[in-house]
C-alpha atoms as a PDB file:
ATOM      1  CA  UNK A   1      44.331  11.005-101.095  1.00  0.00           C
ATOM      2  CA  UNK A   2      42.793  12.014-104.385  1.00  0.00           C
ATOM      3  CA  UNK A   3      43.208   8.898-106.544  1.00  0.00           C
ATOM      4  CA  UNK A   4      40.103   6.999-107.588  1.00  0.00           C
ATOM      5  CA  UNK A   5      41.784   3.819-106.351  1.00  0.00           C
ATOM      6  CA  UNK A   6      41.333   4.863-102.741  1.00  0.00           C
ATOM      7  CA  UNK A   7      38.389   7.286-102.880  1.00  0.00           C
ATOM      8  CA  UNK A   8      36.267   4.746-104.774  1.00  0.00           C
ATOM      9  CA  UNK A   9      38.069   1.426-104.425  1.00  0.00           C
ATOM     10  CA  UNK A  10      38.427   1.404-100.630  1.00  0.00           C
ATOM     11  CA  UNK A  11      34.751   2.116 -99.844  1.00  0.00           C
ATOM     12  CA  UNK A  12      33.727  -0.477-102.436  1.00  0.00           C
ATOM     13  CA  UNK A  13      36.079  -3.058-100.909  1.00  0.00           C
ATOM     14  CA  UNK A  14      34.794  -2.348 -97.395  1.00  0.00           C
ATOM     15  CA  UNK A  15      31.211  -2.431 -98.654  1.00  0.00           C
ATOM     16  CA  UNK A  16      31.762  -5.902-100.100  1.00  0.00           C
ATOM     17  CA  UNK A  17      33.366  -7.042 -96.834  1.00  0.00           C
ATOM     18  CA  UNK A  18      30.420  -5.748 -94.800  1.00  0.00           C
ATOM     19  CA  UNK A  19      27.978  -7.283 -97.294  1.00  0.00           C
ATOM     20  CA  UNK A  20      29.742 -10.602 -96.724  1.00  0.00           C
ATOM     21  CA  UNK A  21      29.305 -10.117 -92.982  1.00  0.00           C
ATOM     22  CA  UNK A  22      25.602  -9.504 -93.504  1.00  0.00           C
ATOM     23  CA  UNK A  23      25.263 -12.670 -95.595  1.00  0.00           C
ATOM     24  CA  UNK A  24      26.560 -14.641 -92.593  1.00  0.00           C
ATOM     25  CA  UNK A  25      24.264 -12.990 -90.029  1.00  0.00           C
ATOM     26  CA  UNK A  26      20.729 -13.720 -88.877  1.00  0.00           C
ATOM     27  CA  UNK A  27      18.608 -12.042 -86.197  1.00  0.00           C
ATOM     28  CA  UNK A  28      19.543 -15.000 -83.975  1.00  0.00           C
ATOM     29  CA  UNK A  29      23.129 -13.716 -83.877  1.00  0.00           C
ATOM     30  CA  UNK A  30      21.873 -10.562 -82.184  1.00  0.00           C
ATOM     31  CA  UNK A  31      19.414 -12.474 -79.978  1.00  0.00           C
ATOM     32  CA  UNK A  32      22.231 -14.752 -78.787  1.00  0.00           C
ATOM     33  CA  UNK A  33      23.603 -11.770 -76.891  1.00  0.00           C
ATOM     34  CA  UNK A  34      20.792 -12.259 -74.383  1.00  0.00           C
ATOM     35  CA  UNK A  35      21.970 -15.821 -73.720  1.00  0.00           C
ATOM     36  CA  UNK A  36      25.532 -14.759 -72.823  1.00  0.00           C
ATOM     37  CA  UNK A  37      24.982 -11.241 -71.434  1.00  0.00           C
ATOM     38  CA  UNK A  38      27.946 -11.252 -69.056  1.00  0.00           C
ATOM     39  CA  UNK A  39      30.493 -12.261 -71.708  1.00  0.00           C
ATOM     40  CA  UNK A  40      29.077  -9.755 -74.195  1.00  0.00           C
ATOM     41  CA  UNK A  41      28.893  -6.842 -71.754  1.00  0.00           C
ATOM     42  CA  UNK A  42      32.447  -7.433 -70.504  1.00  0.00           C
ATOM     43  CA  UNK A  43      33.854  -7.719 -74.036  1.00  0.00           C
ATOM     44  CA  UNK A  44      32.030  -4.595 -75.209  1.00  0.00           C
ATOM     45  CA  UNK A  45      33.131  -2.634 -72.132  1.00  0.00           C
ATOM     46  CA  UNK A  46      36.757  -3.561 -72.850  1.00  0.00           C
ATOM     47  CA  UNK A  47      36.355  -2.685 -76.529  1.00  0.00           C
ATOM     48  CA  UNK A  48      34.435   0.564 -76.197  1.00  0.00           C
ATOM     49  CA  UNK A  49      35.705   2.011 -72.912  1.00  0.00           C
ATOM     50  CA  UNK A  50      38.989   0.471 -71.828  1.00  0.00           C
ATOM     51  CA  UNK A  51      40.830   0.308 -75.154  1.00  0.00           C
ATOM     52  CA  UNK A  52      40.368   3.985 -76.124  1.00  0.00           C
ATOM     53  CA  UNK A  53      41.703   5.003 -72.692  1.00  0.00           C
ATOM     54  CA  UNK A  54      44.714   2.685 -73.059  1.00  0.00           C
ATOM     55  CA  UNK A  55      45.362   3.917 -76.588  1.00  0.00           C
ATOM     56  CA  UNK A  56      45.147   7.533 -75.446  1.00  0.00           C
ATOM     57  CA  UNK A  57      47.768   6.830 -72.775  1.00  0.00           C
ATOM     58  CA  UNK A  58      50.056   5.124 -75.308  1.00  0.00           C
ATOM     59  CA  UNK A  59      49.729   7.997 -77.745  1.00  0.00           C
ATOM     60  CA  UNK A  60      50.705  10.496 -75.061  1.00  0.00           C
ATOM     61  CA  UNK A  61      53.571   8.296 -73.858  1.00  0.00           C
ATOM     62  CA  UNK A  62      54.983   7.877 -77.383  1.00  0.00           C
ATOM     63  CA  UNK A  63      54.421  11.575 -78.171  1.00  0.00           C
ATOM     64  CA  UNK A  64      53.087  10.873 -81.640  1.00  0.00           C
ATOM     65  CA  UNK A  65      52.498  13.782 -84.038  1.00  0.00           C
ATOM     66  CA  UNK A  66      48.865  14.962 -83.898  1.00  0.00           C
ATOM     67  CA  UNK A  67      47.718  13.356 -87.156  1.00  0.00           C
ATOM     68  CA  UNK A  68      49.167   9.954 -86.191  1.00  0.00           C
ATOM     69  CA  UNK A  69      47.722  10.284 -82.689  1.00  0.00           C
ATOM     70  CA  UNK A  70      44.243  10.762 -84.145  1.00  0.00           C
ATOM     71  CA  UNK A  71      44.837   7.816 -86.468  1.00  0.00           C
ATOM     72  CA  UNK A  72      45.662   5.609 -83.482  1.00  0.00           C
ATOM     73  CA  UNK A  73      42.539   6.722 -81.625  1.00  0.00           C
ATOM     74  CA  UNK A  74      40.423   6.045 -84.703  1.00  0.00           C
ATOM     75  CA  UNK A  75      41.930   2.564 -84.858  1.00  0.00           C
ATOM     76  CA  UNK A  76      41.123   1.972 -81.175  1.00  0.00           C
ATOM     77  CA  UNK A  77      37.515   2.997 -81.832  1.00  0.00           C
ATOM     78  CA  UNK A  78      37.053   0.660 -84.797  1.00  0.00           C
ATOM     79  CA  UNK A  79      35.104  -2.552 -84.142  1.00  0.00           C
ATOM     80  CA  UNK A  80      36.475  -6.061 -84.340  1.00  0.00           C
ATOM     81  CA  UNK A  81      37.189  -7.429 -87.793  1.00  0.00           C
ATOM     82  CA  UNK A  82      35.595 -10.525 -89.306  1.00  0.00           C
ATOM     83  CA  UNK A  83      39.034 -12.196 -89.287  1.00  0.00           C
ATOM     84  CA  UNK A  84      38.584 -12.550 -85.523  1.00  0.00           C
ATOM     85  CA  UNK A  85      36.097 -15.348 -86.254  1.00  0.00           C
ATOM     86  CA  UNK A  86      38.769 -17.311 -88.112  1.00  0.00           C
ATOM     87  CA  UNK A  87      41.348 -16.884 -85.337  1.00  0.00           C
ATOM     88  CA  UNK A  88      38.767 -17.842 -82.729  1.00  0.00           C
ATOM     89  CA  UNK A  89      38.006 -21.007 -84.681  1.00  0.00           C
ATOM     90  CA  UNK A  90      41.706 -21.875 -85.053  1.00  0.00           C
ATOM     91  CA  UNK A  91      42.397 -21.479 -81.342  1.00  0.00           C
ATOM     92  CA  UNK A  92      39.137 -23.062 -80.069  1.00  0.00           C
ATOM     93  CA  UNK A  93      37.267 -19.974 -79.017  1.00  0.00           C
ATOM     94  CA  UNK A  94      33.505 -19.517 -78.984  1.00  0.00           C
ATOM     95  CA  UNK A  95      32.947 -18.565 -82.638  1.00  0.00           C
ATOM     96  CA  UNK A  96      29.232 -17.958 -82.110  1.00  0.00           C
ATOM     97  CA  UNK A  97      30.117 -15.328 -79.510  1.00  0.00           C
ATOM     98  CA  UNK A  98      32.539 -13.734 -81.995  1.00  0.00           C
ATOM     99  CA  UNK A  99      29.821 -13.470 -84.602  1.00  0.00           C
ATOM    100  CA  UNK A 100      27.443 -11.859 -82.117  1.00  0.00           C
ATOM    101  CA  UNK A 101      30.108  -9.430 -80.863  1.00  0.00           C
ATOM    102  CA  UNK A 102      31.043  -8.419 -84.416  1.00  0.00           C
ATOM    103  CA  UNK A 103      27.384  -7.818 -85.258  1.00  0.00           C
ATOM    104  CA  UNK A 104      26.631  -5.758 -82.157  1.00  0.00           C
ATOM    105  CA  UNK A 105      29.931  -3.876 -82.172  1.00  0.00           C
ATOM    106  CA  UNK A 106      29.558  -2.892 -85.827  1.00  0.00           C
ATOM    107  CA  UNK A 107      26.217  -1.276 -85.000  1.00  0.00           C
ATOM    108  CA  UNK A 108      27.503   0.519 -81.897  1.00  0.00           C
ATOM    109  CA  UNK A 109      30.616   1.732 -83.748  1.00  0.00           C
ATOM    110  CA  UNK A 110      28.438   3.925 -85.946  1.00  0.00           C
ATOM    111  CA  UNK A 111      28.032   6.126 -82.857  1.00  0.00           C
ATOM    112  CA  UNK A 112      31.228   5.528 -80.872  1.00  0.00           C
ATOM    113  CA  UNK A 113      33.709   5.825 -83.737  1.00  0.00           C
ATOM    114  CA  UNK A 114      32.701   9.393 -84.719  1.00  0.00           C
ATOM    115  CA  UNK A 115      32.551  10.404 -81.032  1.00  0.00           C
ATOM    116  CA  UNK A 116      36.060   9.129 -80.235  1.00  0.00           C
ATOM    117  CA  UNK A 117      37.472  10.438 -83.511  1.00  0.00           C
ATOM    118  CA  UNK A 118      36.015  13.893 -82.895  1.00  0.00           C
ATOM    119  CA  UNK A 119      37.420  13.916 -79.358  1.00  0.00           C
ATOM    120  CA  UNK A 120      40.867  13.025 -80.702  1.00  0.00           C
ATOM    121  CA  UNK A 121      40.675  15.708 -83.400  1.00  0.00           C
ATOM    122  CA  UNK A 122      39.576  18.269 -80.804  1.00  0.00           C
ATOM    123  CA  UNK A 123      42.366  17.302 -78.392  1.00  0.00           C
ATOM    124  CA  UNK A 124      45.294  16.862 -80.782  1.00  0.00           C
ATOM    125  CA  UNK A 125      44.235  19.452 -83.404  1.00  0.00           C
ATOM    126  CA  UNK A 126      45.856  17.782 -86.431  1.00  0.00           C
ATOM    127  CA  UNK A 127      43.987  19.953 -88.951  1.00  0.00           C
ATOM    128  CA  UNK A 128      43.731  23.718 -88.971  1.00  0.00           C
ATOM    129  CA  UNK A 129      40.637  23.871 -91.150  1.00  0.00           C
ATOM    130  CA  UNK A 130      38.677  20.784 -90.154  1.00  0.00           C
ATOM    131  CA  UNK A 131      36.512  20.260 -87.113  1.00  0.00           C
ATOM    132  CA  UNK A 132      36.161  16.507 -87.476  1.00  0.00           C
ATOM    133  CA  UNK A 133      33.345  14.117 -88.366  1.00  0.00           C
ATOM    134  CA  UNK A 134      30.297  16.380 -88.702  1.00  0.00           C
ATOM    135  CA  UNK A 135      26.831  14.858 -89.005  1.00  0.00           C
ATOM    136  CA  UNK A 136      27.062  14.565 -92.779  1.00  0.00           C
ATOM    137  CA  UNK A 137      30.309  12.625 -92.507  1.00  0.00           C
ATOM    138  CA  UNK A 138      28.940  10.557 -89.630  1.00  0.00           C
ATOM    139  CA  UNK A 139      26.129   9.556 -91.989  1.00  0.00           C
ATOM    140  CA  UNK A 140      28.800   8.410 -94.449  1.00  0.00           C
ATOM    141  CA  UNK A 141      30.161   6.148 -91.714  1.00  0.00           C
ATOM    142  CA  UNK A 142      26.637   4.789 -91.191  1.00  0.00           C
ATOM    143  CA  UNK A 143      26.250   4.132 -94.916  1.00  0.00           C
ATOM    144  CA  UNK A 144      29.664   2.477 -95.197  1.00  0.00           C
ATOM    145  CA  UNK A 145      29.199   0.209 -92.172  1.00  0.00           C
ATOM    146  CA  UNK A 146      25.555  -0.680 -91.733  1.00  0.00           C
ATOM    147  CA  UNK A 147      23.817  -0.472 -95.125  1.00  0.00           C
ATOM    148  CA  UNK A 148      25.838  -3.317 -96.708  1.00  0.00           C
ATOM    149  CA  UNK A 149      25.343  -5.437 -93.564  1.00  0.00           C
ATOM    150  CA  UNK A 150      21.583  -4.801 -93.665  1.00  0.00           C
ATOM    151  CA  UNK A 151      21.517  -5.635 -97.389  1.00  0.00           C
ATOM    152  CA  UNK A 152      23.363  -8.892 -96.751  1.00  0.00           C
ATOM    153  CA  UNK A 153      20.979  -9.879 -93.955  1.00  0.00           C
ATOM    154  CA  UNK A 154      17.945  -9.130 -96.148  1.00  0.00           C
ATOM    155  CA  UNK A 155      19.375 -11.245 -98.954  1.00  0.00           C
ATOM    156  CA  UNK A 156      19.934 -14.117 -96.521  1.00  0.00           C
ATOM    157  CA  UNK A 157      16.426 -13.700 -95.108  1.00  0.00           C
ATOM    158  CA  UNK A 158      14.547 -13.744 -98.424  1.00  0.00           C
ATOM    159  CA  UNK A 159      16.955 -15.657-100.670  1.00  0.00           C
ATOM    160  CA  UNK A 160      18.820 -18.031 -98.317  1.00  0.00           C
ATOM    161  CA  UNK A 161      20.032 -20.378-101.053  1.00  0.00           C
ATOM    162  CA  UNK A 162      21.423 -17.481-103.090  1.00  0.00           C
ATOM    163  CA  UNK A 163      23.075 -16.030 -99.965  1.00  0.00           C
ATOM    164  CA  UNK A 164      24.698 -19.350 -99.146  1.00  0.00           C
ATOM    165  CA  UNK A 165      26.002 -19.683-102.692  1.00  0.00           C
ATOM    166  CA  UNK A 166      27.327 -16.105-102.736  1.00  0.00           C
ATOM    167  CA  UNK A 167      29.028 -16.264 -99.336  1.00  0.00           C
ATOM    168  CA  UNK A 168      32.332 -17.702-100.559  1.00  0.00           C
ATOM    169  CA  UNK A 169      32.544 -15.670-103.821  1.00  0.00           C
ATOM    170  CA  UNK A 170      31.861 -12.448-101.903  1.00  0.00           C
ATOM    171  CA  UNK A 171      34.608 -13.264 -99.389  1.00  0.00           C
ATOM    172  CA  UNK A 172      37.086 -14.021-102.191  1.00  0.00           C
ATOM    173  CA  UNK A 173      36.123 -10.880-104.122  1.00  0.00           C
ATOM    174  CA  UNK A 174      36.470  -8.684-101.039  1.00  0.00           C
ATOM    175  CA  UNK A 175      39.975 -10.007-100.347  1.00  0.00           C
ATOM    176  CA  UNK A 176      41.102  -9.565-103.972  1.00  0.00           C
ATOM    177  CA  UNK A 177      39.721  -6.037-104.280  1.00  0.00           C
ATOM    178  CA  UNK A 178      41.098  -5.033-100.895  1.00  0.00           C
ATOM    179  CA  UNK A 179      44.580  -6.348-101.698  1.00  0.00           C
ATOM    180  CA  UNK A 180      44.628  -4.568-105.058  1.00  0.00           C
ATOM    181  CA  UNK A 181      43.408  -1.269-103.619  1.00  0.00           C
ATOM    182  CA  UNK A 182      45.738  -1.286-100.604  1.00  0.00           C
ATOM    183  CA  UNK A 183      48.691  -2.349-102.768  1.00  0.00           C
ATOM    184  CA  UNK A 184      47.986   0.585-105.065  1.00  0.00           C
ATOM    185  CA  UNK A 185      47.677   2.992-102.145  1.00  0.00           C
ATOM    186  CA  UNK A 186      50.915   1.713-100.605  1.00  0.00           C
ATOM    187  CA  UNK A 187      52.769   1.951-103.921  1.00  0.00           C
ATOM    188  CA  UNK A 188      51.676   5.541-104.494  1.00  0.00           C
ATOM    189  CA  UNK A 189      52.531   6.553-100.924  1.00  0.00           C
ATOM    190  CA  UNK A 190      55.489   4.259-100.342  1.00  0.00           C
ATOM    191  CA  UNK A 191      57.853   6.902 -99.039  1.00  0.00           C
ATOM    192  CA  UNK A 192      55.302   8.263 -96.594  1.00  0.00           C
ATOM    193  CA  UNK A 193      54.717   4.759 -95.228  1.00  0.00           C
ATOM    194  CA  UNK A 194      58.453   4.014 -94.976  1.00  0.00           C
ATOM    195  CA  UNK A 195      59.108   7.298 -93.189  1.00  0.00           C
ATOM    196  CA  UNK A 196      56.522   6.482 -90.524  1.00  0.00           C
ATOM    197  CA  UNK A 197      56.713   2.687 -90.245  1.00  0.00           C
ATOM    198  CA  UNK A 198      59.489   2.616 -87.641  1.00  0.00           C
ATOM    199  CA  UNK A 199      57.696   5.257 -85.572  1.00  0.00           C
ATOM    200  CA  UNK A 200      54.431   3.303 -85.640  1.00  0.00           C
ATOM    201  CA  UNK A 201      55.625  -0.315 -85.469  1.00  0.00           C
ATOM    202  CA  UNK A 202      56.343  -0.406 -81.740  1.00  0.00           C
ATOM    203  CA  UNK A 203      53.200   1.393 -80.589  1.00  0.00           C
ATOM    204  CA  UNK A 204      50.923  -0.649 -82.873  1.00  0.00           C
ATOM    205  CA  UNK A 205      52.455  -3.965 -81.780  1.00  0.00           C
ATOM    206  CA  UNK A 206      52.246  -2.921 -78.123  1.00  0.00           C
ATOM    207  CA  UNK A 207      48.642  -1.807 -78.544  1.00  0.00           C
ATOM    208  CA  UNK A 208      47.801  -5.108 -80.253  1.00  0.00           C
ATOM    209  CA  UNK A 209      49.377  -7.159 -77.445  1.00  0.00           C
ATOM    210  CA  UNK A 210      47.579  -5.103 -74.792  1.00  0.00           C
ATOM    211  CA  UNK A 211      44.268  -5.400 -76.676  1.00  0.00           C
ATOM    212  CA  UNK A 212      44.580  -9.178 -76.921  1.00  0.00           C
ATOM    213  CA  UNK A 213      45.635  -9.487 -73.276  1.00  0.00           C
ATOM    214  CA  UNK A 214      42.822  -7.258 -72.015  1.00  0.00           C
ATOM    215  CA  UNK A 215      40.328  -9.182 -74.130  1.00  0.00           C
ATOM    216  CA  UNK A 216      41.423 -12.453 -72.567  1.00  0.00           C
ATOM    217  CA  UNK A 217      42.398 -11.709 -68.972  1.00  0.00           C
ATOM    218  CA  UNK A 218      39.597  -9.306 -68.004  1.00  0.00           C
ATOM    219  CA  UNK A 219      36.889 -11.899 -68.818  1.00  0.00           C
ATOM    220  CA  UNK A 220      38.909 -14.640 -67.098  1.00  0.00           C
ATOM    221  CA  UNK A 221      39.281 -12.495 -63.965  1.00  0.00           C
ATOM    222  CA  UNK A 222      35.493 -12.072 -63.998  1.00  0.00           C
ATOM    223  CA  UNK A 223      34.970 -15.870 -64.116  1.00  0.00           C
ATOM    224  CA  UNK A 224      33.977 -16.050 -67.765  1.00  0.00           C
ATOM    225  CA  UNK A 225      34.747 -19.346 -69.533  1.00  0.00           C
ATOM    226  CA  UNK A 226      38.015 -19.919 -71.368  1.00  0.00           C
ATOM    227  CA  UNK A 227      36.418 -20.326 -74.805  1.00  0.00           C
ATOM    228  CA  UNK A 228      34.451 -17.116 -74.362  1.00  0.00           C
ATOM    229  CA  UNK A 229      37.607 -15.313 -73.198  1.00  0.00           C
ATOM    230  CA  UNK A 230      39.493 -16.522 -76.285  1.00  0.00           C
ATOM    231  CA  UNK A 231      36.689 -15.213 -78.491  1.00  0.00           C
ATOM    232  CA  UNK A 232      36.741 -11.895 -76.641  1.00  0.00           C
ATOM    233  CA  UNK A 233      40.520 -11.637 -76.990  1.00  0.00           C
ATOM    234  CA  UNK A 234      40.489 -11.924 -80.772  1.00  0.00           C
ATOM    235  CA  UNK A 235      37.412  -9.745 -81.137  1.00  0.00           C
ATOM    236  CA  UNK A 236      39.140  -6.956 -79.218  1.00  0.00           C
ATOM    237  CA  UNK A 237      42.660  -7.488 -80.567  1.00  0.00           C
ATOM    238  CA  UNK A 238      41.847  -7.842 -84.268  1.00  0.00           C
ATOM    239  CA  UNK A 239      40.411  -4.466 -85.225  1.00  0.00           C
ATOM    240  CA  UNK A 240      38.661  -3.652 -88.473  1.00  0.00           C
ATOM    241  CA  UNK A 241      41.662  -1.684 -89.726  1.00  0.00           C
ATOM    242  CA  UNK A 242      40.057  -1.433 -93.169  1.00  0.00           C
ATOM    243  CA  UNK A 243      37.200   0.623 -91.717  1.00  0.00           C
ATOM    244  CA  UNK A 244      39.657   3.030 -90.069  1.00  0.00           C
ATOM    245  CA  UNK A 245      41.589   3.349 -93.344  1.00  0.00           C
ATOM    246  CA  UNK A 246      38.421   4.055 -95.340  1.00  0.00           C
ATOM    247  CA  UNK A 247      37.215   6.735 -92.922  1.00  0.00           C
ATOM    248  CA  UNK A 248      40.661   8.352 -92.812  1.00  0.00           C
ATOM    249  CA  UNK A 249      41.190   8.440 -96.568  1.00  0.00           C
ATOM    250  CA  UNK A 250      37.703   8.585 -98.061  1.00  0.00           C
ATOM    251  CA  UNK A 251      35.718  10.463 -95.404  1.00  0.00           C
ATOM    252  CA  UNK A 252      38.383  12.716 -93.839  1.00  0.00           C
ATOM    253  CA  UNK A 253      40.641  12.816 -96.904  1.00  0.00           C
ATOM    254  CA  UNK A 254      43.953  12.168 -95.124  1.00  0.00           C
ATOM    255  CA  UNK A 255      46.447   9.488 -96.114  1.00  0.00           C
ATOM    256  CA  UNK A 256      48.582  10.223 -93.037  1.00  0.00           C
ATOM    257  CA  UNK A 257      45.599   9.645 -90.770  1.00  0.00           C
ATOM    258  CA  UNK A 258      45.308   6.093 -92.119  1.00  0.00           C
ATOM    259  CA  UNK A 259      48.957   5.116 -91.471  1.00  0.00           C
ATOM    260  CA  UNK A 260      48.458   3.679 -87.942  1.00  0.00           C
ATOM    261  CA  UNK A 261      45.625   1.456 -89.161  1.00  0.00           C
ATOM    262  CA  UNK A 262      47.670   0.401 -92.207  1.00  0.00           C
ATOM    263  CA  UNK A 263      50.651  -0.637 -90.067  1.00  0.00           C
ATOM    264  CA  UNK A 264      48.419  -2.279 -87.451  1.00  0.00           C
ATOM    265  CA  UNK A 265      46.476  -4.097 -90.148  1.00  0.00           C
ATOM    266  CA  UNK A 266      49.644  -5.887 -91.280  1.00  0.00           C
ATOM    267  CA  UNK A 267      51.289  -6.578 -87.926  1.00  0.00           C
ATOM    268  CA  UNK A 268      48.203  -7.655 -85.959  1.00  0.00           C
ATOM    269  CA  UNK A 269      47.877 -10.952 -87.827  1.00  0.00           C
ATOM    270  CA  UNK A 270      51.327 -12.104 -86.727  1.00  0.00           C
ATOM    271  CA  UNK A 271      50.888 -10.854 -83.166  1.00  0.00           C
ATOM    272  CA  UNK A 272      47.432 -12.434 -82.833  1.00  0.00           C
ATOM    273  CA  UNK A 273      48.698 -15.734 -84.229  1.00  0.00           C
ATOM    274  CA  UNK A 274      51.493 -15.906 -81.673  1.00  0.00           C
ATOM    275  CA  UNK A 275      49.170 -14.843 -78.864  1.00  0.00           C
ATOM    276  CA  UNK A 276      46.717 -17.547 -79.851  1.00  0.00           C
ATOM    277  CA  UNK A 277      49.253 -20.252 -79.025  1.00  0.00           C
ATOM    278  CA  UNK A 278      49.639 -18.800 -75.527  1.00  0.00           C
ATOM    279  CA  UNK A 279      45.946 -18.840 -74.663  1.00  0.00           C
ATOM    280  CA  UNK A 280      44.573 -21.767 -76.666  1.00  0.00           C
ATOM    281  CA  UNK A 281      42.923 -24.693 -74.961  1.00  0.00           C
ATOM    282  CA  UNK A 282      45.345 -27.622 -74.778  1.00  0.00           C
ATOM    283  CA  UNK A 283      42.684 -30.071 -75.889  1.00  0.00           C
ATOM    284  CA  UNK A 284      39.366 -29.638 -77.692  1.00  0.00           C
ATOM    285  CA  UNK A 285      36.457 -28.853 -75.400  1.00  0.00           C
ATOM    286  CA  UNK A 286      33.168 -30.575 -76.158  1.00  0.00           C
ATOM    287  CA  UNK A 287      30.438 -28.059 -76.888  1.00  0.00           C
ATOM    288  CA  UNK A 288      26.952 -28.392 -75.479  1.00  0.00           C
ATOM    289  CA  UNK A 289      24.577 -29.598 -78.193  1.00  0.00           C
ATOM    290  CA  UNK A 290      22.693 -26.316 -78.343  1.00  0.00           C
ATOM    291  CA  UNK A 291      25.841 -24.234 -78.631  1.00  0.00           C
ATOM    292  CA  UNK A 292      27.282 -26.480 -81.320  1.00  0.00           C
ATOM    293  CA  UNK A 293      24.076 -26.136 -83.294  1.00  0.00           C
ATOM    294  CA  UNK A 294      24.025 -22.356 -82.965  1.00  0.00           C
ATOM    295  CA  UNK A 295      27.686 -22.148 -83.979  1.00  0.00           C
ATOM    296  CA  UNK A 296      27.043 -24.209 -87.079  1.00  0.00           C
ATOM    297  CA  UNK A 297      24.046 -22.093 -87.979  1.00  0.00           C
ATOM    298  CA  UNK A 298      25.967 -18.860 -87.492  1.00  0.00           C
ATOM    299  CA  UNK A 299      28.842 -20.025 -89.637  1.00  0.00           C
ATOM    300  CA  UNK A 300      26.630 -21.156 -92.494  1.00  0.00           C
END
């Protein structure tokens, strides 16, 4: 889409969101992965390997048009969104694990997202004149995802008081800008969204339910704790739809490609909220002192 609202506004909004993520991260959030390797490896395997395969099967089963099929695969390849931390907190998951998974997955996605997207473009052939995410465009993905996170972490490292003070304003600004930009994009492409909403609603809801269920039941089957499984469920089920939308519209220049992520981005909040009531712990679970301390530090 050619409007400045999406070509400039969306990357800026995502950049602010990722900067906010960086302001909340420390090297300890990455190091914590070593303390819970089983939970992290299982969650990442579900996110990076299992979900794309499931999504590919759904796309074939629903016989989506090529451009929407690629959009779904791009969504499946996107990392967990920061909103997963909030849902994990609401439903008594291990928030510290969520923060670590989001940090690690955002880094890995710089490689996996272009790979899966290029596979989908090669298989479904939605564009006659475009081969996919070449290296130059993959570098754009790197710049969009990791540079703001790195900037946020550096600010927190050298100016911790400033980072703490900016955390809330950055979160509020990112939400406001994102709402304005997406509202403008929806308004200017309303008919296109309406024409495809019914076609995408069922597959996106089904994919969301499967993602949440896989994220919870696979860790539980492998004897991982309930709180860690809840964290994994939301991390896997709540995708960073904004990232998929930005890559579709700003990097690949296709509004249609972003439709699955746009529909998913709205519906997933309701689905995840309902799913949370099914898997939540019935009573609060006391955290070990060390874990409680690390959770508080990660959330600060």
